[in-house]
Amino acid sequence: MKNLKNKVLIITGAGSGIGRALALHLAQEGARLALNDWNKETLQATVDLIGQEKVRVYSQVFDVSDRPTWELFAKKVNDHFGQIDGIFNNAGITTFPETIPETDPIDFSRLIEINLWGVIHGSQVAIPYLLKQKESLLVNVSSLLGLMGYAGQGAYVTSKFAVRGFTETLRQELVGTGALVTAVHPGPVKTNLTRNIKYHDQDLLNRLSLFFDDAATTTPEEAAEIIIKGIKKGKHRVLLSPRTKMLDRLTRLLPNSYHRFLPRNFRPGHLIKKALAKRAAEKKGVPLEEGVRTK
């Protein structure tokens, strides 16, 4: 899809990061936008920024794991604009670094609900509308961690591998329909992903965010530009940085041993496991805020 002007495009997680950057770039292209986020204030901030572009925008705050709300949202978008030409399933969360045995099942389940079921719901709900168009877009944001394992992020890796497989299967099923199905694999991007984690130790969380910022090599604006360029070229797979491309090749060339050759800032176990254990021990027994998980 080379011309995005007047196309009606849904973007989830549009309140910040890649979602907001996509919204702003697509607004500049003249697209009409239907935006979602769980955070009312940040979503409104995106809408206000887009208002300067004089583009028609529809927005709604909801949890992407809620299927009935998804169905109503898609209907409202179609009623509002008269069509739906594409969807960017971008919304996602992560958890504080923990091994798989340590990860609370509630946290694991919640992450799967957002990162995977949010994509499944969005895709299934949008497809009937997309197939009414001669050409359409279905873009699902996976991750570099949908291409490789990563110690300490088992739940996130699980969700992003699943998004990759789901998207690649949809691509095969929708061949010949006019729908371009694209999986996006960002590496570390300077977003609020880690800052939105709920964790009882704010000091550790701040350290994690700084660690992630140091590892991030791509801005949301750069990510959005690469994604849109990939769509215009008809790509089914978009890797967002040279490092992501390098690590993708590494995992395919050395599937049994690639973890031994990861750059230092891609080895969280090596860098922060001891620090996390030390801090956790220091904080043991300190009362926590009501409703916050103790682990």
C-alpha atoms as a PDB file:
ATOM      1  CA  MET A   1       0.000   0.000   0.000  1.00  0.00           C
ATOM      2  CA  LYS A   2       1.971   2.963  -1.300  1.00  0.00           C
ATOM      3  CA  ASN A   3      -0.646   5.674  -0.841  1.00  0.00           C
ATOM      4  CA  LEU A   4      -1.930   6.045   2.721  1.00  0.00           C
ATOM      5  CA  LYS A   5      -3.888   9.245   2.194  1.00  0.00           C
ATOM      6  CA  ASN A   6      -7.491   8.944   3.444  1.00  0.00           C
ATOM      7  CA  LYS A   7      -6.921   5.325   4.510  1.00  0.00           C
ATOM      8  CA  VAL A   8      -8.654   4.463   7.798  1.00  0.00           C
ATOM      9  CA  LEU A   9      -6.072   2.893  10.083  1.00  0.00           C
ATOM     10  CA  ILE A  10      -6.447   1.514  13.618  1.00  0.00           C
ATOM     11  CA  ILE A  11      -3.452   1.824  15.956  1.00  0.00           C
ATOM     12  CA  THR A  12      -3.377   0.229  19.397  1.00  0.00           C
ATOM     13  CA  GLY A  13      -1.072   1.470  22.128  1.00  0.00           C
ATOM     14  CA  ALA A  14      -1.136   4.909  20.513  1.00  0.00           C
ATOM     15  CA  GLY A  15      -0.608   6.820  23.753  1.00  0.00           C
ATOM     16  CA  SER A  16       3.184   6.647  23.626  1.00  0.00           C
ATOM     17  CA  GLY A  17       6.233   5.113  21.995  1.00  0.00           C
ATOM     18  CA  ILE A  18       5.965   3.460  18.601  1.00  0.00           C
ATOM     19  CA  GLY A  19       2.159   3.762  18.610  1.00  0.00           C
ATOM     20  CA  ARG A  20       2.238   7.528  19.024  1.00  0.00           C
ATOM     21  CA  ALA A  21       5.040   7.907  16.479  1.00  0.00           C
ATOM     22  CA  LEU A  22       3.072   5.814  13.976  1.00  0.00           C
ATOM     23  CA  ALA A  23       0.000   7.961  14.547  1.00  0.00           C
ATOM     24  CA  LEU A  24       1.925  11.181  13.934  1.00  0.00           C
ATOM     25  CA  HIS A  25       3.676   9.863  10.821  1.00  0.00           C
ATOM     26  CA  LEU A  26       0.472   8.450   9.370  1.00  0.00           C
ATOM     27  CA  ALA A  27      -1.330  11.715  10.092  1.00  0.00           C
ATOM     28  CA  GLN A  28       1.320  13.487   8.047  1.00  0.00           C
ATOM     29  CA  GLU A  29       0.595  11.000   5.255  1.00  0.00           C
ATOM     30  CA  GLY A  30      -3.054  12.099   5.355  1.00  0.00           C
ATOM     31  CA  ALA A  31      -4.471   8.906   6.880  1.00  0.00           C
ATOM     32  CA  ARG A  32      -7.615   8.888   8.999  1.00  0.00           C
ATOM     33  CA  LEU A  33      -6.908   7.336  12.357  1.00  0.00           C
ATOM     34  CA  ALA A  34      -8.699   5.265  14.987  1.00  0.00           C
ATOM     35  CA  LEU A  35      -6.546   5.199  18.095  1.00  0.00           C
ATOM     36  CA  ASN A  36      -6.550   3.079  21.226  1.00  0.00           C
ATOM     37  CA  ASP A  37      -4.656   3.065  24.499  1.00  0.00           C
ATOM     38  CA  TRP A  38      -5.334   2.011  28.092  1.00  0.00           C
ATOM     39  CA  ASN A  39      -4.168   5.398  29.400  1.00  0.00           C
ATOM     40  CA  LYS A  40      -6.712   8.180  28.884  1.00  0.00           C
ATOM     41  CA  GLU A  41      -4.260  11.044  29.429  1.00  0.00           C
ATOM     42  CA  THR A  42      -1.533   9.826  27.102  1.00  0.00           C
ATOM     43  CA  LEU A  43      -4.032   8.884  24.402  1.00  0.00           C
ATOM     44  CA  GLN A  44      -5.564  12.348  24.548  1.00  0.00           C
ATOM     45  CA  ALA A  45      -2.087  13.852  24.302  1.00  0.00           C
ATOM     46  CA  THR A  46      -1.547  11.932  21.058  1.00  0.00           C
ATOM     47  CA  VAL A  47      -4.916  13.095  19.725  1.00  0.00           C
ATOM     48  CA  ASP A  48      -4.003  16.697  20.581  1.00  0.00           C
ATOM     49  CA  LEU A  49      -0.704  16.386  18.728  1.00  0.00           C
ATOM     50  CA  ILE A  50      -2.419  14.925  15.679  1.00  0.00           C
ATOM     51  CA  GLY A  51      -4.987  17.732  15.765  1.00  0.00           C
ATOM     52  CA  GLN A  52      -2.272  19.992  14.451  1.00  0.00           C
ATOM     53  CA  GLU A  53      -2.160  17.824  11.322  1.00  0.00           C
ATOM     54  CA  LYS A  54      -5.856  18.458  10.530  1.00  0.00           C
ATOM     55  CA  VAL A  55      -6.567  14.730  10.238  1.00  0.00           C
ATOM     56  CA  ARG A  56      -9.822  13.155  11.327  1.00  0.00           C
ATOM     57  CA  VAL A  57      -9.221  11.071  14.446  1.00  0.00           C
ATOM     58  CA  TYR A  58     -11.436   8.698  16.413  1.00  0.00           C
ATOM     59  CA  SER A  59     -10.134   7.451  19.765  1.00  0.00           C
ATOM     60  CA  GLN A  60     -11.253   5.131  22.538  1.00  0.00           C
ATOM     61  CA  VAL A  61      -9.676   4.003  25.795  1.00  0.00           C
ATOM     62  CA  PHE A  62      -9.957   0.247  26.364  1.00  0.00           C
ATOM     63  CA  ASP A  63      -8.036  -2.890  27.278  1.00  0.00           C
ATOM     64  CA  VAL A  64      -7.034  -4.772  24.117  1.00  0.00           C
ATOM     65  CA  SER A  65      -7.596  -8.106  25.872  1.00  0.00           C
ATOM     66  CA  ASP A  66     -11.350  -7.335  26.024  1.00  0.00           C
ATOM     67  CA  ARG A  67     -12.946  -9.055  23.002  1.00  0.00           C
ATOM     68  CA  PRO A  68     -16.488  -7.598  23.291  1.00  0.00           C
ATOM     69  CA  THR A  69     -15.067  -4.066  23.487  1.00  0.00           C
ATOM     70  CA  TRP A  70     -12.889  -4.793  20.449  1.00  0.00           C
ATOM     71  CA  GLU A  71     -15.961  -5.801  18.449  1.00  0.00           C
ATOM     72  CA  LEU A  72     -17.840  -2.653  19.425  1.00  0.00           C
ATOM     73  CA  PHE A  73     -14.798  -0.494  18.715  1.00  0.00           C
ATOM     74  CA  ALA A  74     -14.368  -1.874  15.197  1.00  0.00           C
ATOM     75  CA  LYS A  75     -18.054  -1.340  14.471  1.00  0.00           C
ATOM     76  CA  LYS A  76     -17.877   2.240  15.760  1.00  0.00           C
ATOM     77  CA  VAL A  77     -14.788   2.949  13.658  1.00  0.00           C
ATOM     78  CA  ASN A  78     -16.479   1.545  10.557  1.00  0.00           C
ATOM     79  CA  ASP A  79     -19.654   3.516  11.276  1.00  0.00           C
ATOM     80  CA  HIS A  80     -17.635   6.684  11.888  1.00  0.00           C
ATOM     81  CA  PHE A  81     -15.428   6.526   8.785  1.00  0.00           C
ATOM     82  CA  GLY A  82     -17.393   4.179   6.516  1.00  0.00           C
ATOM     83  CA  GLN A  83     -14.501   1.739   6.161  1.00  0.00           C
ATOM     84  CA  ILE A  84     -11.403   0.218   7.785  1.00  0.00           C
ATOM     85  CA  ASP A  85      -8.290  -0.123   5.643  1.00  0.00           C
ATOM     86  CA  GLY A  86      -5.703  -1.302   8.125  1.00  0.00           C
ATOM     87  CA  ILE A  87      -4.751  -2.130  11.675  1.00  0.00           C
ATOM     88  CA  PHE A  88      -1.514  -1.825  13.622  1.00  0.00           C
ATOM     89  CA  ASN A  89      -1.624  -4.175  16.612  1.00  0.00           C
ATOM     90  CA  ASN A  90       1.081  -2.423  18.580  1.00  0.00           C
ATOM     91  CA  ALA A  91      -0.052  -2.439  22.237  1.00  0.00           C
ATOM     92  CA  GLY A  92       2.136  -4.449  24.588  1.00  0.00           C
ATOM     93  CA  ILE A  93       3.528  -4.769  28.095  1.00  0.00           C
ATOM     94  CA  THR A  94       6.454  -6.513  29.758  1.00  0.00           C
ATOM     95  CA  THR A  95       7.371  -7.703  33.234  1.00  0.00           C
ATOM     96  CA  PHE A  96      10.277  -7.146  35.593  1.00  0.00           C
ATOM     97  CA  PRO A  97      13.169  -9.503  34.730  1.00  0.00           C
ATOM     98  CA  GLU A  98      12.603 -12.872  36.385  1.00  0.00           C
ATOM     99  CA  THR A  99      13.315 -16.435  35.390  1.00  0.00           C
ATOM    100  CA  ILE A 100      10.374 -18.479  34.140  1.00  0.00           C
ATOM    101  CA  PRO A 101      10.097 -20.495  37.390  1.00  0.00           C
ATOM    102  CA  GLU A 102      10.066 -17.235  39.367  1.00  0.00           C
ATOM    103  CA  THR A 103       7.457 -15.475  37.251  1.00  0.00           C
ATOM    104  CA  ASP A 104       4.098 -15.180  38.957  1.00  0.00           C
ATOM    105  CA  PRO A 105       1.454 -17.049  36.885  1.00  0.00           C
ATOM    106  CA  ILE A 106      -0.850 -14.042  37.224  1.00  0.00           C
ATOM    107  CA  ASP A 107       1.787 -11.771  35.661  1.00  0.00           C
ATOM    108  CA  PHE A 108       2.509 -14.358  32.954  1.00  0.00           C
ATOM    109  CA  SER A 109      -1.181 -14.672  32.113  1.00  0.00           C
ATOM    110  CA  ARG A 110      -1.767 -10.926  32.054  1.00  0.00           C
ATOM    111  CA  LEU A 111       1.119 -10.390  29.662  1.00  0.00           C
ATOM    112  CA  ILE A 112      -0.204 -13.082  27.316  1.00  0.00           C
ATOM    113  CA  GLU A 113      -3.675 -11.487  27.464  1.00  0.00           C
ATOM    114  CA  ILE A 114      -2.311  -8.130  26.292  1.00  0.00           C
ATOM    115  CA  ASN A 115       0.563  -9.054  23.995  1.00  0.00           C
ATOM    116  CA  LEU A 116      -0.945 -12.099  22.297  1.00  0.00           C
ATOM    117  CA  TRP A 117      -4.715 -12.093  22.791  1.00  0.00           C
ATOM    118  CA  GLY A 118      -4.808  -8.363  22.083  1.00  0.00           C
ATOM    119  CA  VAL A 119      -3.239  -9.097  18.684  1.00  0.00           C
ATOM    120  CA  ILE A 120      -5.520 -12.078  18.046  1.00  0.00           C
ATOM    121  CA  HIS A 121      -8.663 -10.120  18.949  1.00  0.00           C
ATOM    122  CA  GLY A 122      -7.622  -7.089  16.924  1.00  0.00           C
ATOM    123  CA  SER A 123      -6.772  -9.190  13.876  1.00  0.00           C
ATOM    124  CA  GLN A 124      -9.877 -11.374  13.936  1.00  0.00           C
ATOM    125  CA  VAL A 125     -12.189  -8.416  14.481  1.00  0.00           C
ATOM    126  CA  ALA A 126     -10.563  -6.287  11.773  1.00  0.00           C
ATOM    127  CA  ILE A 127     -10.207  -8.886   9.006  1.00  0.00           C
ATOM    128  CA  PRO A 128     -13.868  -8.897   7.834  1.00  0.00           C
ATOM    129  CA  TYR A 129     -13.653  -5.125   7.370  1.00  0.00           C
ATOM    130  CA  LEU A 130     -10.219  -5.276   5.728  1.00  0.00           C
ATOM    131  CA  LEU A 131     -11.334  -7.836   3.163  1.00  0.00           C
ATOM    132  CA  LYS A 132     -13.998  -5.445   1.882  1.00  0.00           C
ATOM    133  CA  GLN A 133     -11.170  -3.266   0.511  1.00  0.00           C
ATOM    134  CA  LYS A 134      -9.162  -3.908  -2.647  1.00  0.00           C
ATOM    135  CA  GLU A 135      -6.017  -3.432  -0.578  1.00  0.00           C
ATOM    136  CA  SER A 136      -5.533  -3.359   3.169  1.00  0.00           C
ATOM    137  CA  LEU A 137      -2.962  -3.648   5.954  1.00  0.00           C
ATOM    138  CA  LEU A 138      -2.624  -5.939   8.943  1.00  0.00           C
ATOM    139  CA  VAL A 139       0.525  -5.097  10.904  1.00  0.00           C
ATOM    140  CA  ASN A 140       1.399  -6.966  14.097  1.00  0.00           C
ATOM    141  CA  VAL A 141       4.276  -5.807  16.266  1.00  0.00           C
ATOM    142  CA  SER A 142       6.318  -8.753  17.492  1.00  0.00           C
ATOM    143  CA  SER A 143       9.870  -8.099  18.695  1.00  0.00           C
ATOM    144  CA  LEU A 144      13.503  -9.039  18.346  1.00  0.00           C
ATOM    145  CA  LEU A 145      12.465 -11.335  21.201  1.00  0.00           C
ATOM    146  CA  GLY A 146      10.092 -13.015  18.782  1.00  0.00           C
ATOM    147  CA  LEU A 147      13.227 -14.204  16.979  1.00  0.00           C
ATOM    148  CA  MET A 148      15.447 -15.240  19.896  1.00  0.00           C
ATOM    149  CA  GLY A 149      15.252 -16.375  23.503  1.00  0.00           C
ATOM    150  CA  TYR A 150      16.198 -13.874  26.197  1.00  0.00           C
ATOM    151  CA  ALA A 151      16.933 -14.822  29.803  1.00  0.00           C
ATOM    152  CA  GLY A 152      14.714 -13.081  32.334  1.00  0.00           C
ATOM    153  CA  GLN A 153      11.886 -12.273  29.908  1.00  0.00           C
ATOM    154  CA  GLY A 154      10.269 -15.655  29.384  1.00  0.00           C
ATOM    155  CA  ALA A 155       6.690 -14.384  29.371  1.00  0.00           C
ATOM    156  CA  TYR A 156       7.480 -11.589  26.923  1.00  0.00           C
ATOM    157  CA  VAL A 157       9.467 -13.907  24.653  1.00  0.00           C
ATOM    158  CA  THR A 158       6.634 -16.444  24.697  1.00  0.00           C
ATOM    159  CA  SER A 159       4.098 -13.818  23.648  1.00  0.00           C
ATOM    160  CA  LYS A 160       6.253 -12.354  20.888  1.00  0.00           C
ATOM    161  CA  PHE A 161       7.182 -15.731  19.380  1.00  0.00           C
ATOM    162  CA  ALA A 162       3.457 -16.481  19.318  1.00  0.00           C
ATOM    163  CA  VAL A 163       2.682 -13.169  17.614  1.00  0.00           C
ATOM    164  CA  ARG A 164       5.284 -13.976  14.983  1.00  0.00           C
ATOM    165  CA  GLY A 165       3.815 -17.427  14.292  1.00  0.00           C
ATOM    166  CA  PHE A 166       0.266 -16.095  14.302  1.00  0.00           C
ATOM    167  CA  THR A 167       1.164 -13.348  11.835  1.00  0.00           C
ATOM    168  CA  GLU A 168       3.130 -15.567   9.480  1.00  0.00           C
ATOM    169  CA  THR A 169       0.216 -18.004   9.401  1.00  0.00           C
ATOM    170  CA  LEU A 170      -2.267 -15.197   8.689  1.00  0.00           C
ATOM    171  CA  ARG A 171      -0.025 -14.053   5.854  1.00  0.00           C
ATOM    172  CA  GLN A 172      -0.366 -17.455   4.195  1.00  0.00           C
ATOM    173  CA  GLU A 173      -4.113 -17.617   4.780  1.00  0.00           C
ATOM    174  CA  LEU A 174      -4.746 -14.157   3.301  1.00  0.00           C
ATOM    175  CA  VAL A 175      -2.698 -14.578   0.132  1.00  0.00           C
ATOM    176  CA  GLY A 176      -4.650 -13.244  -2.841  1.00  0.00           C
ATOM    177  CA  THR A 177      -7.062 -11.139  -0.762  1.00  0.00           C
ATOM    178  CA  GLY A 178      -5.288  -7.820  -1.218  1.00  0.00           C
ATOM    179  CA  ALA A 179      -4.316  -7.717   2.460  1.00  0.00           C
ATOM    180  CA  LEU A 180      -0.655  -7.050   3.235  1.00  0.00           C
ATOM    181  CA  VAL A 181       0.196  -8.922   6.449  1.00  0.00           C
ATOM    182  CA  THR A 182       3.380  -7.729   8.129  1.00  0.00           C
ATOM    183  CA  ALA A 183       5.243  -8.786  11.253  1.00  0.00           C
ATOM    184  CA  VAL A 184       7.393  -6.047  12.802  1.00  0.00           C
ATOM    185  CA  HIS A 185      10.410  -6.978  14.891  1.00  0.00           C
ATOM    186  CA  PRO A 186      11.825  -4.032  16.854  1.00  0.00           C
ATOM    187  CA  GLY A 187      14.967  -4.306  18.890  1.00  0.00           C
ATOM    188  CA  PRO A 188      15.275  -2.063  21.943  1.00  0.00           C
ATOM    189  CA  VAL A 189      13.389   1.171  21.232  1.00  0.00           C
ATOM    190  CA  LYS A 190      13.409   4.225  23.495  1.00  0.00           C
ATOM    191  CA  THR A 191       9.856   3.850  24.814  1.00  0.00           C
ATOM    192  CA  ASN A 192       8.069   3.696  28.173  1.00  0.00           C
ATOM    193  CA  LEU A 193       7.773  -0.103  28.038  1.00  0.00           C
ATOM    194  CA  THR A 194       9.898  -0.745  31.132  1.00  0.00           C
ATOM    195  CA  ARG A 195       8.635   2.346  32.955  1.00  0.00           C
ATOM    196  CA  ASN A 196       5.079   0.990  32.771  1.00  0.00           C
ATOM    197  CA  ILE A 197       6.052  -2.139  34.692  1.00  0.00           C
ATOM    198  CA  LYS A 198       4.402  -2.444  38.102  1.00  0.00           C
ATOM    199  CA  TYR A 199       7.023  -3.494  40.632  1.00  0.00           C
ATOM    200  CA  HIS A 200       7.393  -2.873  44.333  1.00  0.00           C
ATOM    201  CA  ASP A 201      11.036  -1.712  44.232  1.00  0.00           C
ATOM    202  CA  GLN A 202      11.092   1.627  42.418  1.00  0.00           C
ATOM    203  CA  ASP A 203      14.866   1.915  42.701  1.00  0.00           C
ATOM    204  CA  LEU A 204      15.372  -1.371  40.878  1.00  0.00           C
ATOM    205  CA  LEU A 205      12.789  -0.391  38.312  1.00  0.00           C
ATOM    206  CA  ASN A 206      14.607   2.885  37.669  1.00  0.00           C
ATOM    207  CA  ARG A 207      17.861   0.976  37.201  1.00  0.00           C
ATOM    208  CA  LEU A 208      16.186  -1.373  34.748  1.00  0.00           C
ATOM    209  CA  SER A 209      14.820   1.574  32.766  1.00  0.00           C
ATOM    210  CA  LEU A 210      18.282   3.144  32.574  1.00  0.00           C
ATOM    211  CA  PHE A 211      19.731  -0.204  31.489  1.00  0.00           C
ATOM    212  CA  PHE A 212      17.068  -0.501  28.776  1.00  0.00           C
ATOM    213  CA  ASP A 213      17.633   3.101  27.619  1.00  0.00           C
ATOM    214  CA  ASP A 214      21.350   2.394  27.248  1.00  0.00           C
ATOM    215  CA  ALA A 215      20.592  -0.695  25.150  1.00  0.00           C
ATOM    216  CA  ALA A 216      18.017   1.094  22.977  1.00  0.00           C
ATOM    217  CA  THR A 217      19.432   2.118  19.625  1.00  0.00           C
ATOM    218  CA  THR A 218      16.236   3.268  17.894  1.00  0.00           C
ATOM    219  CA  THR A 219      13.824   6.110  18.620  1.00  0.00           C
ATOM    220  CA  PRO A 220      10.061   5.649  18.206  1.00  0.00           C
ATOM    221  CA  GLU A 221      10.129   8.137  15.338  1.00  0.00           C
ATOM    222  CA  GLU A 222      12.811   6.150  13.533  1.00  0.00           C
ATOM    223  CA  ALA A 223      10.870   2.947  14.173  1.00  0.00           C
ATOM    224  CA  ALA A 224       7.666   4.406  12.736  1.00  0.00           C
ATOM    225  CA  GLU A 225       9.484   5.650   9.642  1.00  0.00           C
ATOM    226  CA  ILE A 226      11.036   2.217   9.003  1.00  0.00           C
ATOM    227  CA  ILE A 227       7.683   0.458   9.502  1.00  0.00           C
ATOM    228  CA  ILE A 228       5.874   2.779   7.086  1.00  0.00           C
ATOM    229  CA  LYS A 229       8.632   2.465   4.488  1.00  0.00           C
ATOM    230  CA  GLY A 230       8.419  -1.325   4.817  1.00  0.00           C
ATOM    231  CA  ILE A 231       4.659  -1.246   4.287  1.00  0.00           C
ATOM    232  CA  LYS A 232       4.994   0.900   1.188  1.00  0.00           C
ATOM    233  CA  LYS A 233       7.487  -1.615  -0.189  1.00  0.00           C
ATOM    234  CA  GLY A 234       5.065  -4.472   0.515  1.00  0.00           C
ATOM    235  CA  LYS A 235       7.320  -6.190   3.053  1.00  0.00           C
ATOM    236  CA  HIS A 236       5.927  -9.042   5.124  1.00  0.00           C
ATOM    237  CA  ARG A 237       8.714  -8.800   7.676  1.00  0.00           C
ATOM    238  CA  VAL A 238      10.249  -5.601   9.010  1.00  0.00           C
ATOM    239  CA  LEU A 239      13.381  -5.623  11.182  1.00  0.00           C
ATOM    240  CA  LEU A 240      13.954  -2.212  12.729  1.00  0.00           C
ATOM    241  CA  SER A 241      17.714  -1.911  13.120  1.00  0.00           C
ATOM    242  CA  PRO A 242      21.041  -3.285  11.878  1.00  0.00           C
ATOM    243  CA  ARG A 243      21.511  -4.921  15.303  1.00  0.00           C
ATOM    244  CA  THR A 244      18.160  -6.695  14.994  1.00  0.00           C
ATOM    245  CA  LYS A 245      19.122  -7.927  11.532  1.00  0.00           C
ATOM    246  CA  MET A 246      22.497  -9.122  12.845  1.00  0.00           C
ATOM    247  CA  LEU A 247      20.939 -10.995  15.758  1.00  0.00           C
ATOM    248  CA  ASP A 248      18.314 -12.514  13.462  1.00  0.00           C
ATOM    249  CA  ARG A 249      21.104 -13.925  11.284  1.00  0.00           C
ATOM    250  CA  LEU A 250      22.996 -15.112  14.354  1.00  0.00           C
ATOM    251  CA  THR A 251      20.038 -17.078  15.704  1.00  0.00           C
ATOM    252  CA  ARG A 252      19.457 -18.755  12.345  1.00  0.00           C
ATOM    253  CA  LEU A 253      23.131 -19.586  11.792  1.00  0.00           C
ATOM    254  CA  LEU A 254      23.764 -20.815  15.337  1.00  0.00           C
ATOM    255  CA  PRO A 255      20.408 -21.982  16.695  1.00  0.00           C
ATOM    256  CA  ASN A 256      22.026 -24.145  19.393  1.00  0.00           C
ATOM    257  CA  SER A 257      24.607 -21.695  20.680  1.00  0.00           C
ATOM    258  CA  TYR A 258      23.738 -18.098  19.701  1.00  0.00           C
ATOM    259  CA  HIS A 259      23.281 -17.115  23.355  1.00  0.00           C
ATOM    260  CA  ARG A 260      27.044 -17.447  23.843  1.00  0.00           C
ATOM    261  CA  PHE A 261      27.717 -14.701  21.322  1.00  0.00           C
ATOM    262  CA  LEU A 262      25.168 -12.080  22.346  1.00  0.00           C
ATOM    263  CA  PRO A 263      26.473  -8.536  22.926  1.00  0.00           C
ATOM    264  CA  ARG A 264      26.953  -7.700  26.609  1.00  0.00           C
ATOM    265  CA  ASN A 265      23.879  -5.478  26.740  1.00  0.00           C
ATOM    266  CA  PHE A 266      21.809  -8.419  25.498  1.00  0.00           C
ATOM    267  CA  ARG A 267      22.847 -10.631  28.417  1.00  0.00           C
ATOM    268  CA  PRO A 268      20.652  -9.512  31.310  1.00  0.00           C
ATOM    269  CA  GLY A 269      21.489 -12.556  33.396  1.00  0.00           C
ATOM    270  CA  HIS A 270      25.191 -11.696  33.187  1.00  0.00           C
ATOM    271  CA  LEU A 271      24.723  -8.011  33.916  1.00  0.00           C
ATOM    272  CA  ILE A 272      21.948  -7.640  36.448  1.00  0.00           C
ATOM    273  CA  LYS A 273      21.082 -10.962  38.087  1.00  0.00           C
ATOM    274  CA  LYS A 274      23.490 -10.474  41.001  1.00  0.00           C
ATOM    275  CA  ALA A 275      22.468  -6.851  41.451  1.00  0.00           C
ATOM    276  CA  LEU A 276      18.792  -7.777  41.474  1.00  0.00           C
ATOM    277  CA  ALA A 277      19.344 -10.571  44.004  1.00  0.00           C
ATOM    278  CA  LYS A 278      21.341  -8.287  46.271  1.00  0.00           C
ATOM    279  CA  ARG A 279      18.748  -5.536  46.194  1.00  0.00           C
ATOM    280  CA  ALA A 280      15.904  -8.003  46.729  1.00  0.00           C
ATOM    281  CA  ALA A 281      17.693  -9.353  49.806  1.00  0.00           C
ATOM    282  CA  GLU A 282      18.237  -5.835  51.131  1.00  0.00           C
ATOM    283  CA  LYS A 283      14.560  -5.019  50.708  1.00  0.00           C
ATOM    284  CA  LYS A 284      13.250  -8.251  52.219  1.00  0.00           C
ATOM    285  CA  GLY A 285      10.800  -7.593  55.005  1.00  0.00           C
ATOM    286  CA  VAL A 286      10.091  -3.990  53.996  1.00  0.00           C
ATOM    287  CA  PRO A 287       6.290  -3.347  53.949  1.00  0.00           C
ATOM    288  CA  LEU A 288       4.911  -2.931  50.453  1.00  0.00           C
ATOM    289  CA  GLU A 289       2.079  -0.820  49.149  1.00  0.00           C
ATOM    290  CA  GLU A 290      -1.314  -2.459  49.347  1.00  0.00           C
ATOM    291  CA  GLY A 291      -2.194  -4.455  46.251  1.00  0.00           C
ATOM    292  CA  VAL A 292       1.376  -4.671  44.960  1.00  0.00           C
ATOM    293  CA  ARG A 293       2.847  -8.121  44.429  1.00  0.00           C
ATOM    294  CA  THR A 294       5.595  -8.953  46.912  1.00  0.00           C
ATOM    295  CA  LYS A 295       7.865 -10.905  44.644  1.00  0.00           C
END
